[in-house]
């Protein structure tokens, strides 16, 4: 892809790293001269030390041929202006960081994909890691549903059961779906079927329509969440 990243701060810099390592053609627009120089030295990308809220700057970045543009600055006003200009260049994919929740509707009204307040997301993630230590990683979907990873430990009610057996014995409810299994000795994740047997130490990717409450994590042999 041809990707334009606006801002080389705490969010933009890791994004630049990921985008360049993934083999994309990356252009970075950064108004701070020192940050622009640092990025130019560190990463294989074109860096423009300029103001991204002007149409000339996006033209210099060849926005008309960009597959995506991602504003990551600390100012929502700057990010929304970049998004509006990107619309004029018909950039197919526009995704922006939004710091103030009150501005979310503005971004959505102009048809921009958004990531809300990264600092708040990180804080919530850190709290979840402490409050729910059984869960390796998770993603919330809507108000209640979650996708999370969890390891099957010794004594887990589901260990040794096939998914069909777990359903018949009401170990797994209809609201819960195991979507992938990472197992030692397997090169790639297993796609579970009804006759797939859950084994000790399996790392499961689980979808739960009702979230990952302690009653659910108990099924995988994790009772520590009840004591935190």
Protein backbone atom coordinates (compact mmCIF):
# COMPACT_ATOMS: atom_id res chain seq x y z
CA UNK A 1 0.00 0.00 0.00
CA UNK A 2 0.88 3.66 -0.37
CA UNK A 3 0.24 5.07 3.12
CA UNK A 4 0.45 8.63 4.42
CA UNK A 5 0.94 8.96 8.17
CA UNK A 6 0.47 12.38 9.73
CA UNK A 7 2.34 12.91 12.98
CA UNK A 8 5.41 11.18 14.39
CA UNK A 9 4.53 11.21 18.08
CA UNK A 10 3.79 8.44 20.54
CA UNK A 11 1.15 6.93 18.26
CA UNK A 12 2.53 7.81 14.85
CA UNK A 13 6.05 6.49 15.40
CA UNK A 14 5.07 2.88 16.22
CA UNK A 15 2.66 3.02 13.29
CA UNK A 16 5.47 4.14 10.99
CA UNK A 17 7.57 1.24 12.25
CA UNK A 18 4.80 -1.29 11.56
CA UNK A 19 3.89 0.14 8.16
CA UNK A 20 7.48 0.25 6.89
CA UNK A 21 8.38 -3.21 8.22
CA UNK A 22 5.29 -4.57 6.46
CA UNK A 23 6.72 -3.44 3.13
CA UNK A 24 4.40 -0.52 2.46
CA UNK A 25 5.42 2.67 0.69
CA UNK A 26 5.13 5.22 3.49
CA UNK A 27 5.10 9.01 3.51
CA UNK A 28 5.28 10.77 6.88
CA UNK A 29 4.18 14.36 7.40
CA UNK A 30 5.57 15.88 10.59
CA UNK A 31 5.66 19.60 11.38
CA UNK A 32 8.32 19.35 14.11
CA UNK A 33 11.71 19.52 12.43
CA UNK A 34 13.56 17.43 15.00
CA UNK A 35 10.96 14.65 14.92
CA UNK A 36 10.95 14.70 11.13
CA UNK A 37 14.75 14.35 11.05
CA UNK A 38 14.65 11.48 13.55
CA UNK A 39 12.09 9.57 11.49
CA UNK A 40 14.02 10.16 8.26
CA UNK A 41 17.16 8.67 9.82
CA UNK A 42 15.40 5.73 11.44
CA UNK A 43 12.93 4.49 8.83
CA UNK A 44 12.82 3.74 5.13
CA UNK A 45 10.18 6.29 4.18
CA UNK A 46 9.75 9.75 2.70
CA UNK A 47 9.40 12.43 5.37
CA UNK A 48 7.89 15.84 4.75
CA UNK A 49 8.62 18.49 7.38
CA UNK A 50 5.46 20.44 6.71
CA UNK A 51 1.94 21.37 7.82
CA UNK A 52 -0.47 18.57 6.86
CA UNK A 53 -3.50 20.86 7.14
CA UNK A 54 -2.65 22.56 3.84
CA UNK A 55 -3.69 21.11 0.51
CA UNK A 56 -0.26 21.81 -0.98
CA UNK A 57 1.38 19.54 1.58
CA UNK A 58 -0.94 16.64 0.76
CA UNK A 59 -0.31 17.28 -2.92
CA UNK A 60 3.45 17.07 -2.25
CA UNK A 61 2.76 13.75 -0.48
CA UNK A 62 0.95 12.58 -3.65
CA UNK A 63 -2.26 12.00 -1.74
CA UNK A 64 -4.10 11.46 -5.01
CA UNK A 65 -2.45 8.02 -5.32
CA UNK A 66 -2.54 7.09 -1.63
CA UNK A 67 -4.36 3.94 -0.52
CA UNK A 68 -4.72 5.26 3.02
CA UNK A 69 -4.06 8.28 5.21
CA UNK A 70 -3.85 8.12 9.00
CA UNK A 71 -3.73 11.34 11.08
CA UNK A 72 -2.25 10.61 14.52
CA UNK A 73 -1.56 14.05 15.97
CA UNK A 74 -2.55 15.08 19.49
CA UNK A 75 -5.00 17.69 18.18
CA UNK A 76 -8.44 16.57 16.97
CA UNK A 77 -8.82 19.81 15.02
CA UNK A 78 -5.68 19.00 13.04
CA UNK A 79 -6.77 15.43 12.46
CA UNK A 80 -10.23 16.37 11.21
CA UNK A 81 -8.77 18.97 8.84
CA UNK A 82 -6.42 16.38 7.37
CA UNK A 83 -9.35 14.00 6.94
CA UNK A 84 -11.38 16.63 5.11
CA UNK A 85 -8.49 17.38 2.78
CA UNK A 86 -7.94 13.67 2.21
CA UNK A 87 -11.57 13.44 1.08
CA UNK A 88 -10.79 16.01 -1.61
CA UNK A 89 -8.02 13.74 -2.88
CA UNK A 90 -10.39 10.74 -2.87
CA UNK A 91 -8.16 8.72 -0.55
CA UNK A 92 -9.98 5.36 -0.22
CA UNK A 93 -9.16 4.62 3.42
CA UNK A 94 -9.05 7.36 6.05
CA UNK A 95 -8.57 6.43 9.70
CA UNK A 96 -7.95 8.95 12.47
CA UNK A 97 -7.10 9.05 16.13
CA UNK A 98 -9.77 10.91 18.15
CA UNK A 99 -8.80 12.13 21.61
CA UNK A 100 -12.04 13.75 22.77
CA UNK A 101 -15.09 11.47 22.75
CA UNK A 102 -17.30 14.49 22.06
CA UNK A 103 -15.69 14.79 18.63
CA UNK A 104 -16.45 11.22 17.53
CA UNK A 105 -19.68 12.11 15.75
CA UNK A 106 -17.92 14.83 13.75
CA UNK A 107 -15.43 12.32 12.36
CA UNK A 108 -18.16 9.79 11.67
CA UNK A 109 -20.28 12.39 9.86
CA UNK A 110 -17.50 12.92 7.35
CA UNK A 111 -17.11 9.16 6.88
CA UNK A 112 -13.85 8.56 8.71
CA UNK A 113 -12.88 5.40 10.57
CA UNK A 114 -11.82 6.31 14.10
CA UNK A 115 -9.74 5.07 17.01
CA UNK A 116 -11.01 6.71 20.18
CA UNK A 117 -8.62 8.13 22.78
CA UNK A 118 -5.67 5.70 22.63
CA UNK A 119 -4.56 6.69 26.13
CA UNK A 120 -7.97 5.69 27.49
CA UNK A 121 -7.80 2.39 25.61
CA UNK A 122 -4.36 1.67 27.07
CA UNK A 123 -5.56 2.54 30.58
CA UNK A 124 -8.54 0.22 30.19
CA UNK A 125 -6.31 -2.54 28.87
CA UNK A 126 -3.89 -2.22 31.78
CA UNK A 127 -6.74 -2.27 34.30
CA UNK A 128 -8.23 -5.32 32.62
CA UNK A 129 -4.87 -7.11 32.79
CA UNK A 130 -4.84 -6.61 36.56
CA UNK A 131 -8.52 -7.23 37.21
CA UNK A 132 -8.80 -10.26 34.89
CA UNK A 133 -5.39 -11.99 34.94
CA UNK A 134 -6.74 -15.16 33.29
CA UNK A 135 -7.26 -13.37 29.98
CA UNK A 136 -4.19 -13.10 27.76
CA UNK A 137 -5.61 -10.61 25.27
CA UNK A 138 -9.05 -9.28 24.48
CA UNK A 139 -11.11 -7.03 22.24
CA UNK A 140 -14.53 -5.64 23.07
CA UNK A 141 -17.22 -5.80 20.41
CA UNK A 142 -20.21 -3.54 21.01
CA UNK A 143 -21.44 -3.04 24.57
CA UNK A 144 -21.02 -6.57 25.95
CA UNK A 145 -19.44 -9.04 23.52
CA UNK A 146 -15.73 -9.82 23.71
CA UNK A 147 -13.14 -11.83 21.86
CA UNK A 148 -10.35 -12.98 24.15
CA UNK A 149 -7.50 -15.46 24.46
CA UNK A 150 -7.20 -17.84 27.38
CA UNK A 151 -5.10 -20.93 28.18
CA UNK A 152 -6.66 -24.21 29.31
CA UNK A 153 -5.19 -25.16 32.70
CA UNK A 154 -5.18 -28.37 34.69
CA UNK A 155 -8.58 -29.23 36.14
CA UNK A 156 -10.52 -27.17 33.60
CA UNK A 157 -14.03 -28.55 33.06
CA UNK A 158 -13.56 -28.27 29.30
CA UNK A 159 -10.21 -30.10 29.19
CA UNK A 160 -10.50 -33.47 27.44
CA UNK A 161 -13.94 -32.67 26.03
CA UNK A 162 -14.87 -32.27 22.40
CA UNK A 163 -16.78 -29.13 21.55
CA UNK A 164 -19.88 -31.23 20.93
CA UNK A 165 -19.56 -32.84 24.35
CA UNK A 166 -18.98 -29.45 25.99
CA UNK A 167 -22.20 -28.19 24.43
CA UNK A 168 -24.28 -31.23 25.38
CA UNK A 169 -23.03 -31.09 28.97
CA UNK A 170 -23.79 -27.34 29.16
CA UNK A 171 -20.15 -26.51 29.79
CA UNK A 172 -20.28 -24.03 26.92
CA UNK A 173 -23.42 -21.97 26.41
CA UNK A 174 -24.85 -20.96 23.04
CA UNK A 175 -23.42 -17.47 23.63
CA UNK A 176 -19.84 -18.76 23.56
CA UNK A 177 -17.86 -19.87 20.53
CA UNK A 178 -14.28 -21.14 20.36
CA UNK A 179 -12.95 -19.79 17.09
CA UNK A 180 -9.28 -20.89 17.08
CA UNK A 181 -6.88 -23.14 18.99
CA UNK A 182 -3.13 -22.68 19.24
CA UNK A 183 -1.53 -25.95 20.30
CA UNK A 184 2.07 -26.84 20.99
CA UNK A 185 3.53 -28.80 18.10
CA UNK A 186 1.11 -27.35 15.54
CA UNK A 187 2.49 -24.96 12.91
CA UNK A 188 -0.69 -22.90 12.67
CA UNK A 189 -3.87 -22.40 14.70
CA UNK A 190 -6.47 -25.15 14.50
CA UNK A 191 -9.94 -24.36 13.21
CA UNK A 192 -12.20 -26.13 15.73
CA UNK A 193 -15.00 -28.48 14.71
CA UNK A 194 -17.56 -30.32 16.78
CA UNK A 195 -15.26 -33.33 17.19
CA UNK A 196 -12.23 -31.20 18.13
CA UNK A 197 -11.03 -32.16 21.61
CA UNK A 198 -9.75 -29.41 23.90
CA UNK A 199 -6.40 -30.26 25.46
CA UNK A 200 -4.45 -29.02 28.45
CA UNK A 201 -2.34 -25.92 27.65
CA UNK A 202 -4.32 -25.09 24.50
CA UNK A 203 -4.45 -21.34 23.87
CA UNK A 204 -8.03 -20.65 22.83
CA UNK A 205 -9.47 -17.66 21.03
CA UNK A 206 -12.99 -17.33 22.39
CA UNK A 207 -15.97 -15.22 21.36
CA UNK A 208 -18.51 -14.50 24.09
CA UNK A 209 -21.66 -12.52 23.39
CA UNK A 210 -21.99 -11.77 27.12
CA UNK A 211 -18.38 -10.91 27.89
CA UNK A 212 -15.73 -12.79 29.83
CA UNK A 213 -17.12 -13.02 33.35
CA UNK A 214 -15.58 -15.28 36.05
CA UNK A 215 -18.18 -17.99 35.44
CA UNK A 216 -16.85 -18.30 31.89
CA UNK A 217 -13.16 -18.22 32.74
CA UNK A 218 -13.81 -20.96 35.33
CA UNK A 219 -14.59 -23.29 32.42
CA UNK A 220 -10.99 -23.02 31.24
CA UNK A 221 -9.58 -23.70 34.70
CA UNK A 222 -8.97 -20.12 35.80
CA UNK A 223 -10.42 -19.33 39.20
CA UNK A 224 -8.03 -16.51 40.05
CA UNK A 225 -10.36 -13.87 38.59
CA UNK A 226 -12.73 -14.44 41.51
CA UNK A 227 -10.04 -13.45 44.00
CA UNK A 228 -8.83 -10.22 42.35
